[in-house]
Amino acid sequence: MFKLRPFSKGLIYLILIIYSIGVFIPFLTLGLNSFKSLREIFLTPFSLPSYFRIENYAATWKQANLLIAYINSFTISIVSIFGILLTSSMIAYILARYDFPFRRILYLYIISGLVLPARLAIIPIYLLLRDLALLDTRIGLILVYIATGIPFSVFILKHFMEAVPVEIEDSARIDGASPWKIYSLIILPLCRPALVVVGIFNFVAIWNDFFFPLILINSRSKETIPLAISVFFGEYANQWHLLSTALWMATFPALLMFAILSKQFISGMTQGAIK
């Protein structure tokens, strides 16, 4: 088994510590600035607040209408993740287990979405949603997120499913299990770490996305979190104290989800690296 020398091991730990500090400092600064006034942020942006202004949170919640934005973001994110996982897992299972003409071409066509960003197709997407009367609707935004999340999800899930022994499925077929039962009761539970990885990656991308809601959503009642907090960016001045509060409140759900599912996430990433 490969062993690191003490010097190499110490150097790796040092790099990881420096990286962790570099990631932690922006979050800490953002959290501290959420309790400061605008003047105090400009004077002492990296120090502790002289007075913890809890009223910043109340003002942010009211001005940005964050309750509606949270409901919209959670609804769009959860439904989109469910659609991505269901659609991608079925496609990945077919590509991993069934042999049919042009299978490889179909797989390359699907994962080509990893190379071509969906933002390049914003004009065709806009025109298509307009013709389907789905502009300024949550359903239209959900369909766009499902379509853009499929390439990465199929790429990850297909390789996990190929690693599942075929003998398990053969035994289930002998016992009379249908393809749907094999997929839902055997393949999906065995691929749970991969599903968690795909879910977290897509959730973070959808939750933080500003581009598609900006183009496809016009009503204040349908705004997502990133679109709602843009109200603090003014034409001539920005409300940095309220913006810091809003960003901190917007980041918290994603951090909470990762903390809850971190064990499964790390397990899925590790298994993916081994495979």
Protein backbone atom coordinates (compact mmCIF):
# COMPACT_ATOMS: atom_id res chain seq x y z
CA MET A 1 0.00 0.00 0.00
CA PHE A 2 1.27 3.45 -0.91
CA LYS A 3 2.44 5.48 2.10
CA LEU A 4 3.25 9.17 2.25
CA ARG A 5 6.47 10.40 3.80
CA PRO A 6 6.09 12.60 6.91
CA PHE A 7 7.19 15.69 4.98
CA SER A 8 4.75 15.05 2.12
CA LYS A 9 1.94 14.33 4.57
CA GLY A 10 2.65 17.54 6.47
CA LEU A 11 2.75 19.54 3.23
CA ILE A 12 -0.64 18.13 2.20
CA TYR A 13 -2.12 19.02 5.59
CA LEU A 14 -0.68 22.54 5.32
CA ILE A 15 -2.21 23.02 1.85
CA LEU A 16 -5.59 21.75 3.10
CA ILE A 17 -5.47 24.09 6.12
CA ILE A 18 -4.66 27.10 3.94
CA TYR A 19 -7.43 26.14 1.53
CA SER A 20 -9.92 25.72 4.40
CA ILE A 21 -9.03 29.13 5.80
CA GLY A 22 -9.44 30.67 2.35
CA VAL A 23 -12.92 29.15 2.07
CA PHE A 24 -13.96 29.96 5.65
CA ILE A 25 -12.91 33.64 5.72
CA PRO A 26 -15.45 34.84 3.10
CA PHE A 27 -18.28 33.07 4.96
CA LEU A 28 -17.14 34.55 8.27
CA THR A 29 -16.84 38.04 6.78
CA LEU A 30 -20.27 37.73 5.19
CA GLY A 31 -21.79 36.60 8.48
CA LEU A 32 -20.19 39.44 10.47
CA ASN A 33 -21.16 42.09 7.92
CA SER A 34 -24.77 40.96 8.10
CA PHE A 35 -24.91 42.46 11.62
CA LYS A 36 -23.27 45.80 10.71
CA SER A 37 -24.50 49.11 9.40
CA LEU A 38 -23.52 50.29 5.94
CA ARG A 39 -21.07 52.83 7.39
CA GLU A 40 -19.42 50.23 9.61
CA ILE A 41 -18.93 47.85 6.67
CA PHE A 42 -16.96 50.52 4.78
CA LEU A 43 -14.91 51.49 7.85
CA THR A 44 -14.14 48.05 9.32
CA PRO A 45 -15.23 45.30 6.92
CA PHE A 46 -13.21 42.49 8.60
CA SER A 47 -13.75 43.28 12.27
CA LEU A 48 -16.42 42.24 14.74
CA PRO A 49 -19.52 44.45 14.68
CA SER A 50 -19.67 47.05 17.44
CA TYR A 51 -23.35 46.22 17.83
CA PHE A 52 -25.16 43.17 16.48
CA ARG A 53 -27.99 44.66 14.43
CA ILE A 54 -30.64 41.96 14.34
CA GLU A 55 -32.94 44.43 12.64
CA ASN A 56 -30.94 43.89 9.42
CA TYR A 57 -32.57 40.47 9.09
CA ALA A 58 -36.09 41.84 9.58
CA ALA A 59 -35.47 44.62 7.04
CA THR A 60 -33.97 42.19 4.53
CA TRP A 61 -36.82 39.71 4.94
CA LYS A 62 -39.39 42.44 4.33
CA GLN A 63 -37.76 44.43 1.53
CA ALA A 64 -36.77 41.41 -0.58
CA ASN A 65 -40.02 39.54 0.14
CA LEU A 66 -37.90 36.53 1.08
CA LEU A 67 -40.77 34.37 2.31
CA ILE A 68 -42.21 34.09 -1.21
CA ALA A 69 -38.71 33.75 -2.66
CA TYR A 70 -37.87 30.89 -0.27
CA ILE A 71 -41.09 29.07 -1.14
CA ASN A 72 -40.42 29.50 -4.86
CA SER A 73 -36.79 28.41 -4.60
CA PHE A 74 -37.59 25.35 -2.48
CA THR A 75 -40.47 24.33 -4.74
CA ILE A 76 -38.49 24.77 -7.96
CA SER A 77 -35.35 23.12 -6.54
CA ILE A 78 -37.07 20.07 -5.00
CA VAL A 79 -39.32 19.38 -8.00
CA SER A 80 -36.38 19.89 -10.40
CA ILE A 81 -34.14 17.52 -8.39
CA PHE A 82 -36.88 14.88 -8.32
CA GLY A 83 -37.35 15.21 -12.08
CA ILE A 84 -33.60 15.08 -12.74
CA LEU A 85 -33.06 12.00 -10.57
CA LEU A 86 -36.05 10.13 -11.99
CA THR A 87 -35.33 10.92 -15.63
CA SER A 88 -31.55 10.55 -15.45
CA SER A 89 -31.62 7.30 -13.48
CA MET A 90 -33.98 5.69 -16.00
CA ILE A 91 -31.87 6.86 -18.95
CA ALA A 92 -28.66 5.75 -17.22
CA TYR A 93 -30.13 2.31 -16.43
CA ILE A 94 -31.16 1.76 -20.05
CA LEU A 95 -27.73 2.84 -21.32
CA ALA A 96 -25.90 0.73 -18.74
CA ARG A 97 -27.88 -2.52 -19.06
CA TYR A 98 -29.56 -2.71 -22.47
CA ASP A 99 -27.77 -3.23 -25.76
CA PHE A 100 -29.45 -1.58 -28.74
CA PRO A 101 -28.34 0.11 -31.99
CA PHE A 102 -26.73 3.54 -31.67
CA ARG A 103 -26.54 3.26 -27.88
CA ARG A 104 -23.09 4.81 -27.72
CA ILE A 105 -24.12 7.62 -30.09
CA LEU A 106 -27.13 8.36 -27.90
CA TYR A 107 -24.92 8.42 -24.79
CA LEU A 108 -22.44 10.80 -26.46
CA TYR A 109 -25.32 13.00 -27.59
CA ILE A 110 -26.66 13.24 -24.02
CA ILE A 111 -23.35 14.01 -22.35
CA SER A 112 -22.49 16.57 -25.04
CA GLY A 113 -24.51 18.89 -22.82
CA LEU A 114 -21.50 18.93 -20.49
CA VAL A 115 -19.46 20.59 -23.23
CA LEU A 116 -22.08 23.01 -24.52
CA PRO A 117 -23.42 25.35 -21.80
CA ALA A 118 -27.21 25.70 -21.79
CA ARG A 119 -26.86 29.48 -21.58
CA LEU A 120 -25.73 29.50 -25.20
CA ALA A 121 -29.19 28.26 -26.16
CA ILE A 122 -31.11 30.86 -24.17
CA ILE A 123 -32.77 32.34 -27.29
CA PRO A 124 -34.20 29.00 -28.54
CA ILE A 125 -35.21 28.15 -24.94
CA TYR A 126 -36.97 31.50 -24.58
CA LEU A 127 -38.81 31.12 -27.89
CA LEU A 128 -39.81 27.53 -27.10
CA LEU A 129 -41.23 28.45 -23.69
CA ARG A 130 -43.02 31.42 -25.26
CA ASP A 131 -44.67 29.19 -27.85
CA LEU A 132 -45.69 26.72 -25.12
CA ALA A 133 -47.09 29.55 -22.95
CA LEU A 134 -44.61 28.65 -20.19
CA LEU A 135 -42.82 31.98 -19.88
CA ASP A 136 -43.02 33.52 -16.40
CA THR A 137 -44.09 30.19 -14.90
CA ARG A 138 -42.46 27.91 -12.36
CA ILE A 139 -43.17 24.88 -14.56
CA GLY A 140 -41.19 26.39 -17.44
CA LEU A 141 -38.22 27.07 -15.17
CA ILE A 142 -38.41 23.55 -13.72
CA LEU A 143 -38.40 21.99 -17.20
CA VAL A 144 -35.32 24.02 -18.14
CA TYR A 145 -33.49 22.89 -14.98
CA ILE A 146 -34.40 19.24 -15.58
CA ALA A 147 -33.15 19.41 -19.16
CA THR A 148 -29.87 21.10 -18.18
CA GLY A 149 -29.25 18.71 -15.27
CA ILE A 150 -29.65 15.47 -17.24
CA PRO A 151 -26.18 15.31 -18.95
CA PHE A 152 -24.11 15.45 -15.75
CA SER A 153 -26.52 13.18 -13.90
CA VAL A 154 -26.55 10.50 -16.61
CA PHE A 155 -22.75 10.63 -16.81
CA ILE A 156 -22.40 9.92 -13.07
CA LEU A 157 -25.23 7.40 -12.67
CA LYS A 158 -24.38 5.30 -15.72
CA HIS A 159 -20.92 4.42 -14.40
CA PHE A 160 -22.30 3.58 -10.96
CA MET A 161 -24.95 1.29 -12.45
CA GLU A 162 -22.39 -0.48 -14.64
CA ALA A 163 -20.49 -1.39 -11.47
CA VAL A 164 -23.51 -3.18 -9.98
CA PRO A 165 -23.06 -6.94 -10.56
CA VAL A 166 -25.33 -8.26 -13.29
CA GLU A 167 -25.82 -11.47 -11.29
CA ILE A 168 -28.04 -9.58 -8.83
CA GLU A 169 -30.43 -8.64 -11.61
CA ASP A 170 -30.33 -12.15 -13.09
CA SER A 171 -31.36 -13.58 -9.73
CA ALA A 172 -34.24 -11.12 -9.53
CA ARG A 173 -35.39 -12.05 -13.04
CA ILE A 174 -35.38 -15.75 -12.10
CA ASP A 175 -37.64 -14.86 -9.15
CA GLY A 176 -40.04 -13.17 -11.57
CA ALA A 177 -39.13 -9.51 -11.01
CA SER A 178 -40.09 -7.13 -13.80
CA PRO A 179 -37.61 -4.60 -15.26
CA TRP A 180 -39.36 -1.83 -13.30
CA LYS A 181 -39.01 -3.73 -10.01
CA ILE A 182 -35.35 -4.45 -10.72
CA TYR A 183 -34.76 -0.77 -11.44
CA SER A 184 -36.74 0.62 -8.50
CA LEU A 185 -36.08 -1.99 -5.80
CA ILE A 186 -32.53 -3.11 -6.62
CA ILE A 187 -30.64 -0.59 -8.76
CA LEU A 188 -31.80 2.65 -7.12
CA PRO A 189 -31.04 1.57 -3.51
CA LEU A 190 -27.59 0.33 -4.54
CA CYS A 191 -26.90 3.65 -6.30
CA ARG A 192 -28.05 5.83 -3.39
CA PRO A 193 -24.59 7.45 -2.85
CA ALA A 194 -24.51 8.43 -6.52
CA LEU A 195 -28.05 9.80 -6.32
CA VAL A 196 -27.06 11.93 -3.32
CA VAL A 197 -24.02 13.30 -5.18
CA VAL A 198 -26.14 14.15 -8.21
CA GLY A 199 -28.86 15.66 -6.03
CA ILE A 200 -26.52 17.92 -4.06
CA PHE A 201 -24.65 19.15 -7.14
CA ASN A 202 -27.86 19.99 -8.95
CA PHE A 203 -29.50 21.51 -5.87
CA VAL A 204 -26.62 23.94 -5.34
CA ALA A 205 -26.61 24.87 -9.04
CA ILE A 206 -30.38 25.42 -9.15
CA TRP A 207 -30.59 27.20 -5.79
CA ASN A 208 -27.85 29.68 -6.71
CA ASP A 209 -28.85 30.20 -10.35
CA PHE A 210 -29.55 33.80 -11.30
CA PHE A 211 -29.39 33.64 -15.10
CA PHE A 212 -32.47 31.60 -16.04
CA PRO A 213 -34.86 33.23 -13.51
CA LEU A 214 -33.69 36.65 -14.70
CA ILE A 215 -34.59 35.83 -18.31
CA LEU A 216 -37.64 33.60 -17.84
CA ILE A 217 -39.36 35.10 -14.76
CA ASN A 218 -40.98 38.54 -14.72
CA SER A 219 -43.40 38.47 -11.77
CA ARG A 220 -42.27 39.38 -8.26
CA SER A 221 -44.50 36.64 -6.87
CA LYS A 222 -42.47 33.98 -8.75
CA GLU A 223 -38.95 35.22 -8.00
CA THR A 224 -36.31 32.88 -6.63
CA ILE A 225 -33.82 33.81 -3.90
CA PRO A 226 -31.00 35.10 -6.18
CA LEU A 227 -33.48 37.20 -8.15
CA ALA A 228 -35.15 38.56 -5.01
CA ILE A 229 -31.94 39.76 -3.35
CA SER A 230 -30.95 41.67 -6.49
CA VAL A 231 -33.28 44.39 -5.18
CA PHE A 232 -30.40 45.54 -2.97
CA PHE A 233 -28.27 46.38 -6.01
CA GLY A 234 -29.15 49.96 -6.89
CA GLU A 235 -28.30 52.01 -9.95
CA TYR A 236 -26.11 54.43 -7.99
CA ALA A 237 -25.53 52.67 -4.64
CA ASN A 238 -25.75 49.20 -3.10
CA GLN A 239 -27.16 48.35 0.31
CA TRP A 240 -24.20 46.22 1.34
CA HIS A 241 -25.40 45.58 4.91
CA LEU A 242 -28.76 44.22 3.72
CA LEU A 243 -27.11 42.44 0.79
CA SER A 244 -24.73 40.64 3.16
CA THR A 245 -27.68 39.60 5.30
CA ALA A 246 -29.61 38.34 2.27
CA LEU A 247 -26.63 36.39 0.92
CA TRP A 248 -26.06 34.77 4.30
CA MET A 249 -29.72 33.78 4.53
CA ALA A 250 -29.62 32.44 0.96
CA THR A 251 -26.48 30.35 1.59
CA PHE A 252 -27.71 28.72 4.79
CA PRO A 253 -30.14 26.13 3.22
CA ALA A 254 -27.46 24.77 0.89
CA LEU A 255 -24.98 24.48 3.77
CA LEU A 256 -27.60 22.75 5.90
CA MET A 257 -28.41 20.23 3.18
CA PHE A 258 -24.74 19.43 2.66
CA ALA A 259 -24.23 19.00 6.43
CA ILE A 260 -27.15 16.56 6.61
CA LEU A 261 -26.11 14.54 3.54
CA SER A 262 -22.33 14.94 3.85
CA LYS A 263 -21.76 11.29 4.81
CA GLN A 264 -23.58 10.03 1.73
CA PHE A 265 -21.95 12.70 -0.42
CA ILE A 266 -18.41 11.75 0.64
CA SER A 267 -19.24 8.05 0.23
CA GLY A 268 -20.50 8.66 -3.30
CA MET A 269 -17.49 10.75 -4.28
CA THR A 270 -15.11 8.13 -2.87
CA GLN A 271 -16.81 5.26 -4.68
CA GLY A 272 -16.83 7.31 -7.87
CA ALA A 273 -13.09 7.90 -7.55
CA ILE A 274 -12.43 4.19 -6.97
CA LYS A 275 -14.53 3.14 -9.94
